[in-house]
Protein backbone atom coordinates (compact mmCIF):
# COMPACT_ATOMS: atom_id res chain seq x y z
CA MET A 1 27.96 -20.27 36.56
CA ILE A 2 27.30 -17.01 38.39
CA GLU A 3 28.22 -13.80 36.61
CA LYS A 4 28.73 -10.27 37.82
CA ILE A 5 28.13 -7.16 35.72
CA ILE A 6 29.71 -3.81 36.49
CA GLU A 7 29.28 -0.47 34.75
CA LEU A 8 32.40 1.33 33.55
CA THR A 9 33.11 4.60 31.79
CA GLY A 10 35.97 5.12 29.35
CA SER A 11 37.10 8.01 27.23
CA SER A 12 39.42 8.64 24.31
CA ALA A 13 40.34 11.52 22.06
CA THR A 14 40.89 9.02 19.23
CA SER A 15 37.85 6.74 18.85
CA ILE A 16 34.89 4.98 20.41
CA GLU A 17 36.70 1.65 20.05
CA GLU A 18 39.71 2.95 21.95
CA ALA A 19 37.49 4.30 24.74
CA VAL A 20 35.92 0.84 25.15
CA SER A 21 39.33 -0.87 25.01
CA LEU A 22 40.81 1.45 27.62
CA ALA A 23 37.90 0.88 30.02
CA VAL A 24 38.15 -2.91 29.67
CA ALA A 25 41.95 -2.93 29.91
CA ARG A 26 41.94 -0.83 33.08
CA ALA A 27 39.29 -3.01 34.73
CA ALA A 28 41.19 -6.16 33.73
CA VAL A 29 44.09 -5.04 35.95
CA THR A 30 42.03 -5.97 39.02
CA ILE A 31 39.23 -8.16 37.62
CA ASN A 32 39.96 -11.57 36.11
CA GLY A 33 37.94 -13.12 33.34
CA ILE A 34 36.08 -10.21 31.74
CA TYR A 35 34.57 -11.84 28.68
CA GLN A 36 31.90 -9.42 27.51
CA ALA A 37 31.48 -5.65 27.24
CA GLN A 38 28.08 -4.25 26.31
CA LEU A 39 28.17 -0.68 25.04
CA THR A 40 25.29 1.16 26.73
CA ASP A 41 25.98 4.82 25.93
CA ILE A 42 28.16 6.95 23.65
CA THR A 43 28.78 10.67 24.14
CA ALA A 44 30.77 13.00 21.92
CA VAL A 45 32.39 15.88 23.78
CA VAL A 46 32.30 18.94 21.51
CA GLU A 47 34.42 22.07 21.75
CA ASP A 48 34.19 24.91 19.23
CA GLY A 49 32.09 22.76 16.89
CA THR A 50 34.57 19.87 16.84
CA VAL A 51 34.42 16.47 18.53
CA VAL A 52 37.41 16.41 20.88
CA ARG A 53 36.70 13.30 22.95
CA TRP A 54 34.49 10.21 22.99
CA LYS A 55 32.99 8.93 26.25
CA VAL A 56 31.43 5.48 26.52
CA LYS A 57 29.56 3.58 29.19
CA ILE A 58 29.86 -0.18 29.14
CA LYS A 59 28.64 -3.10 31.17
CA ALA A 60 31.48 -5.57 31.69
CA THR A 61 30.61 -9.18 32.53
CA PHE A 62 32.85 -11.65 34.33
CA PRO A 63 32.37 -14.92 36.23
CA VAL A 64 32.17 -15.04 40.01
CA ARG A 65 34.58 -17.70 41.21
CA ASP A 66 34.64 -19.46 44.55
CA ARG A 67 37.67 -18.73 46.68
CA LEU A 68 39.53 -21.79 47.86
CA HIS A 69 41.40 -21.46 51.15
């Protein structure tokens, strides 16, 4: 099997988990078969001493499939 890995960024005002889920869900609209998401970076956006948003970078892995005509 051949796999492809792409880097995605997601963000959420709620949680790190939601930021990852949103990034994967959005990518899954156009990419079939995403089966792994590796979290590579987490950033907390801070305003006035309070965390207001989480940003994550992930590497999403999916299989490369042959196209049949």
